[in-house]
Amino acid sequence: MLCWSAKWLGEKEVFGDRLTGTEAVEENDKRICVSIWNLLNEADIVIAHNGKRFDIPKLNTRFLLNELPPTSPYQ
């Protein structure tokens, strides 16, 4: 994973995270996996383009590889 961005419904602020150059060279995405894991863990509903077929399965794989537990359930 290289980066992610998100926005809470009804809020104007868009936020996200990205790998540093060093993290990219080392192929170490644990820090940004933790940041999006924290966001998803707070969410009740997630809306994403192609999320069900691509984003969520890929994120869950990265969470497993980075030894993160499953997030709280969301729709």
C-alpha atoms as a PDB file:
ATOM      1  CA  MET A   1       0.000   0.000   0.000  1.00  0.00           C
ATOM      2  CA  LEU A   2       1.340   3.414  -0.928  1.00  0.00           C
ATOM      3  CA  CYS A   3      -1.308   5.787   0.384  1.00  0.00           C
ATOM      4  CA  TRP A   4      -4.933   6.228   1.439  1.00  0.00           C
ATOM      5  CA  SER A   5      -7.399   9.077   1.870  1.00  0.00           C
ATOM      6  CA  ALA A   6     -10.780   9.352   3.571  1.00  0.00           C
ATOM      7  CA  LYS A   7     -13.466  11.744   4.721  1.00  0.00           C
ATOM      8  CA  TRP A   8     -16.158  11.403   7.376  1.00  0.00           C
ATOM      9  CA  LEU A   9     -19.695  11.889   6.054  1.00  0.00           C
ATOM     10  CA  GLY A  10     -20.859  15.472   6.582  1.00  0.00           C
ATOM     11  CA  GLU A  11     -17.349  16.779   7.260  1.00  0.00           C
ATOM     12  CA  LYS A  12     -15.278  18.908   4.877  1.00  0.00           C
ATOM     13  CA  GLU A  13     -11.826  17.740   5.955  1.00  0.00           C
ATOM     14  CA  VAL A  14     -10.182  15.088   3.772  1.00  0.00           C
ATOM     15  CA  PHE A  15      -7.286  13.295   5.432  1.00  0.00           C
ATOM     16  CA  GLY A  16      -4.968  10.433   4.661  1.00  0.00           C
ATOM     17  CA  ASP A  17      -1.509   9.008   4.914  1.00  0.00           C
ATOM     18  CA  ARG A  18       1.308   8.013   2.566  1.00  0.00           C
ATOM     19  CA  LEU A  19       4.562   6.156   2.710  1.00  0.00           C
ATOM     20  CA  THR A  20       7.785   8.077   3.148  1.00  0.00           C
ATOM     21  CA  GLY A  21      10.517   7.535   0.575  1.00  0.00           C
ATOM     22  CA  THR A  22      12.405   5.294   2.980  1.00  0.00           C
ATOM     23  CA  GLU A  23       9.294   3.216   3.746  1.00  0.00           C
ATOM     24  CA  ALA A  24       8.620   2.811   0.025  1.00  0.00           C
ATOM     25  CA  VAL A  25      12.174   1.632  -0.688  1.00  0.00           C
ATOM     26  CA  GLU A  26      11.966  -0.791   2.245  1.00  0.00           C
ATOM     27  CA  GLU A  27       8.445  -1.858   1.174  1.00  0.00           C
ATOM     28  CA  ASN A  28       7.295  -1.218   4.747  1.00  0.00           C
ATOM     29  CA  ASP A  29       3.662  -0.105   4.905  1.00  0.00           C
ATOM     30  CA  LYS A  30       3.008  -0.972   8.552  1.00  0.00           C
ATOM     31  CA  ARG A  31       2.713   2.655   9.728  1.00  0.00           C
ATOM     32  CA  ILE A  32       0.036   3.582   7.174  1.00  0.00           C
ATOM     33  CA  CYS A  33      -1.707   0.233   7.684  1.00  0.00           C
ATOM     34  CA  VAL A  34      -2.033   1.112  11.360  1.00  0.00           C
ATOM     35  CA  SER A  35      -3.409   4.570  10.504  1.00  0.00           C
ATOM     36  CA  ILE A  36      -6.126   3.242   8.173  1.00  0.00           C
ATOM     37  CA  TRP A  37      -6.817   0.341  10.544  1.00  0.00           C
ATOM     38  CA  ASN A  38      -7.563   2.924  13.271  1.00  0.00           C
ATOM     39  CA  LEU A  39      -9.919   4.782  10.927  1.00  0.00           C
ATOM     40  CA  LEU A  40     -11.789   1.644   9.834  1.00  0.00           C
ATOM     41  CA  ASN A  41     -11.992   0.477  13.427  1.00  0.00           C
ATOM     42  CA  GLU A  42     -14.023   3.633  14.224  1.00  0.00           C
ATOM     43  CA  ALA A  43     -16.316   3.389  11.181  1.00  0.00           C
ATOM     44  CA  ASP A  44     -19.881   2.074  11.195  1.00  0.00           C
ATOM     45  CA  ILE A  45     -20.249   2.185   7.400  1.00  0.00           C
ATOM     46  CA  VAL A  46     -17.541   2.355   4.726  1.00  0.00           C
ATOM     47  CA  ILE A  47     -18.290   3.702   1.265  1.00  0.00           C
ATOM     48  CA  ALA A  48     -15.638   3.067  -1.385  1.00  0.00           C
ATOM     49  CA  HIS A  49     -15.368   2.746  -5.145  1.00  0.00           C
ATOM     50  CA  ASN A  50     -14.852  -0.987  -5.755  1.00  0.00           C
ATOM     51  CA  GLY A  51     -14.277  -1.448  -2.016  1.00  0.00           C
ATOM     52  CA  LYS A  52     -16.033  -4.779  -1.632  1.00  0.00           C
ATOM     53  CA  ARG A  53     -14.178  -6.467  -4.488  1.00  0.00           C
ATOM     54  CA  PHE A  54     -10.762  -4.812  -4.176  1.00  0.00           C
ATOM     55  CA  ASP A  55      -9.998  -2.265  -1.420  1.00  0.00           C
ATOM     56  CA  ILE A  56     -11.321  -4.145   1.612  1.00  0.00           C
ATOM     57  CA  PRO A  57      -9.803  -7.545   0.664  1.00  0.00           C
ATOM     58  CA  LYS A  58      -6.446  -5.864  -0.076  1.00  0.00           C
ATOM     59  CA  LEU A  59      -6.545  -3.911   3.197  1.00  0.00           C
ATOM     60  CA  ASN A  60      -7.405  -7.036   5.179  1.00  0.00           C
ATOM     61  CA  THR A  61      -4.465  -8.830   3.573  1.00  0.00           C
ATOM     62  CA  ARG A  62      -2.093  -5.991   4.484  1.00  0.00           C
ATOM     63  CA  PHE A  63      -3.475  -5.998   8.057  1.00  0.00           C
ATOM     64  CA  LEU A  64      -2.741  -9.729   8.365  1.00  0.00           C
ATOM     65  CA  LEU A  65       0.763  -9.365   6.942  1.00  0.00           C
ATOM     66  CA  ASN A  66       1.446  -6.514   9.379  1.00  0.00           C
ATOM     67  CA  GLU A  67       0.104  -8.570  12.309  1.00  0.00           C
ATOM     68  CA  LEU A  68      -2.912  -6.339  12.958  1.00  0.00           C
ATOM     69  CA  PRO A  69      -6.115  -7.889  14.316  1.00  0.00           C
ATOM     70  CA  PRO A  70      -9.405  -7.622  12.406  1.00  0.00           C
ATOM     71  CA  THR A  71     -11.128  -4.245  12.713  1.00  0.00           C
ATOM     72  CA  SER A  72     -14.449  -3.834  14.461  1.00  0.00           C
ATOM     73  CA  PRO A  73     -17.296  -4.850  12.128  1.00  0.00           C
ATOM     74  CA  TYR A  74     -18.639  -2.252   9.707  1.00  0.00           C
ATOM     75  CA  GLN A  75     -21.008  -2.272   6.774  1.00  0.00           C
END
